[in-house]
Amino acid sequence: MIEAALVRILVCPIDKRELLYFADEDVLYNPRLRRRYPVEQGIPVLLPGRGEPAADAEHLRLLTRSANGGAIVTWVS
């Protein structure tokens, strides 16, 4: 789990905008670019090359979870 103070300042390394944080899955997700970033031992790995593309089904699953309160939105401009 990422510390709350850190979650508030995280942005996507590519588009520099907010992410969705799924603490129970240790994942940060950019729905605009459909990229998943891992969180390893509480440390977000926000390197462009480490972002994994999300297939359509995974994208919809994460958006649904987010809409139902399953994610925390990181930094908001």
C-alpha atoms as a PDB file:
ATOM      1  CA  MET A   1       0.000   0.000   0.000  1.00  0.00           C
ATOM      2  CA  ILE A   2       1.254   3.468  -0.901  1.00  0.00           C
ATOM      3  CA  GLU A   3       1.329   6.126   1.816  1.00  0.00           C
ATOM      4  CA  ALA A   4      -1.523   8.644   1.503  1.00  0.00           C
ATOM      5  CA  ALA A   5       0.834  11.634   1.205  1.00  0.00           C
ATOM      6  CA  LEU A   6       2.532  10.029  -1.779  1.00  0.00           C
ATOM      7  CA  VAL A   7      -0.740   9.058  -3.482  1.00  0.00           C
ATOM      8  CA  ARG A   8      -1.760  12.723  -3.556  1.00  0.00           C
ATOM      9  CA  ILE A   9       1.207  13.716  -5.731  1.00  0.00           C
ATOM     10  CA  LEU A  10       1.431  10.806  -8.193  1.00  0.00           C
ATOM     11  CA  VAL A  11       0.885  11.370 -11.903  1.00  0.00           C
ATOM     12  CA  CYS A  12       1.328   9.281 -15.015  1.00  0.00           C
ATOM     13  CA  PRO A  13       4.900   9.482 -16.334  1.00  0.00           C
ATOM     14  CA  ILE A  14       3.615   9.858 -19.886  1.00  0.00           C
ATOM     15  CA  ASP A  15       0.692  12.309 -19.856  1.00  0.00           C
ATOM     16  CA  LYS A  16       1.434  13.882 -16.427  1.00  0.00           C
ATOM     17  CA  ARG A  17      -2.189  13.542 -15.285  1.00  0.00           C
ATOM     18  CA  GLU A  18      -3.950  11.712 -12.474  1.00  0.00           C
ATOM     19  CA  LEU A  19      -4.082   7.944 -12.043  1.00  0.00           C
ATOM     20  CA  LEU A  20      -6.476   5.516 -10.418  1.00  0.00           C
ATOM     21  CA  TYR A  21      -4.947   3.664  -7.476  1.00  0.00           C
ATOM     22  CA  PHE A  22      -6.261   0.192  -6.678  1.00  0.00           C
ATOM     23  CA  ALA A  23      -4.636  -0.511  -3.313  1.00  0.00           C
ATOM     24  CA  ASP A  24      -5.922  -4.082  -3.048  1.00  0.00           C
ATOM     25  CA  GLU A  25      -4.341  -4.947  -6.414  1.00  0.00           C
ATOM     26  CA  ASP A  26      -1.149  -2.874  -6.002  1.00  0.00           C
ATOM     27  CA  VAL A  27      -1.866  -1.160  -9.316  1.00  0.00           C
ATOM     28  CA  LEU A  28      -1.928   2.403 -10.601  1.00  0.00           C
ATOM     29  CA  TYR A  29      -3.986   2.804 -13.766  1.00  0.00           C
ATOM     30  CA  ASN A  30      -4.214   5.476 -16.443  1.00  0.00           C
ATOM     31  CA  PRO A  31      -7.593   4.982 -18.148  1.00  0.00           C
ATOM     32  CA  ARG A  32      -6.816   7.565 -20.840  1.00  0.00           C
ATOM     33  CA  LEU A  33      -3.791   5.620 -22.100  1.00  0.00           C
ATOM     34  CA  ARG A  34      -4.995   2.225 -20.812  1.00  0.00           C
ATOM     35  CA  ARG A  35      -1.722   1.634 -18.977  1.00  0.00           C
ATOM     36  CA  ARG A  36      -1.230  -0.276 -15.703  1.00  0.00           C
ATOM     37  CA  TYR A  37       1.730   0.489 -13.457  1.00  0.00           C
ATOM     38  CA  PRO A  38       2.803  -1.872 -10.665  1.00  0.00           C
ATOM     39  CA  VAL A  39       3.275  -1.013  -7.023  1.00  0.00           C
ATOM     40  CA  GLU A  40       6.068  -3.150  -5.601  1.00  0.00           C
ATOM     41  CA  GLN A  41       6.457  -3.323  -1.816  1.00  0.00           C
ATOM     42  CA  GLY A  42       4.621  -0.012  -1.453  1.00  0.00           C
ATOM     43  CA  ILE A  43       6.717   1.723  -4.108  1.00  0.00           C
ATOM     44  CA  PRO A  44       4.994   2.897  -7.311  1.00  0.00           C
ATOM     45  CA  VAL A  45       6.983   1.911 -10.385  1.00  0.00           C
ATOM     46  CA  LEU A  46       6.089   4.800 -12.670  1.00  0.00           C
ATOM     47  CA  LEU A  47       8.493   4.200 -15.516  1.00  0.00           C
ATOM     48  CA  PRO A  48       7.054   4.476 -19.025  1.00  0.00           C
ATOM     49  CA  GLY A  49       8.579   1.142 -19.992  1.00  0.00           C
ATOM     50  CA  ARG A  50       7.011  -0.642 -17.009  1.00  0.00           C
ATOM     51  CA  GLY A  51       3.471   0.388 -17.873  1.00  0.00           C
ATOM     52  CA  GLU A  52       1.497  -2.553 -19.225  1.00  0.00           C
ATOM     53  CA  PRO A  53      -1.299  -2.112 -21.773  1.00  0.00           C
ATOM     54  CA  ALA A  54      -4.768  -3.083 -20.562  1.00  0.00           C
ATOM     55  CA  ALA A  55      -7.014  -5.102 -22.849  1.00  0.00           C
ATOM     56  CA  ASP A  56     -10.607  -3.956 -23.364  1.00  0.00           C
ATOM     57  CA  ALA A  57     -12.031  -6.313 -20.711  1.00  0.00           C
ATOM     58  CA  GLU A  58      -9.452  -5.227 -18.124  1.00  0.00           C
ATOM     59  CA  HIS A  59     -10.045  -1.557 -18.936  1.00  0.00           C
ATOM     60  CA  LEU A  60     -13.793  -1.963 -18.388  1.00  0.00           C
ATOM     61  CA  ARG A  61     -13.256  -3.938 -15.175  1.00  0.00           C
ATOM     62  CA  LEU A  62     -11.035  -1.230 -13.707  1.00  0.00           C
ATOM     63  CA  LEU A  63     -13.370   1.580 -14.774  1.00  0.00           C
ATOM     64  CA  THR A  64     -16.311  -0.239 -13.193  1.00  0.00           C
ATOM     65  CA  ARG A  65     -14.394  -0.781  -9.962  1.00  0.00           C
ATOM     66  CA  SER A  66     -13.418   2.881  -9.927  1.00  0.00           C
ATOM     67  CA  ALA A  67     -16.997   4.031 -10.506  1.00  0.00           C
ATOM     68  CA  ASN A  68     -18.086   1.850  -7.572  1.00  0.00           C
ATOM     69  CA  GLY A  69     -15.541   3.388  -5.181  1.00  0.00           C
ATOM     70  CA  GLY A  70     -12.833   0.777  -5.631  1.00  0.00           C
ATOM     71  CA  ALA A  71     -10.070   3.220  -6.523  1.00  0.00           C
ATOM     72  CA  ILE A  72      -8.471   6.382  -5.219  1.00  0.00           C
ATOM     73  CA  VAL A  73      -7.796   9.171  -7.699  1.00  0.00           C
ATOM     74  CA  THR A  74      -4.265  10.516  -7.390  1.00  0.00           C
ATOM     75  CA  TRP A  75      -3.256  14.107  -8.050  1.00  0.00           C
ATOM     76  CA  VAL A  76      -5.960  16.150  -9.760  1.00  0.00           C
ATOM     77  CA  SER A  77      -5.062  19.283 -11.678  1.00  0.00           C
END
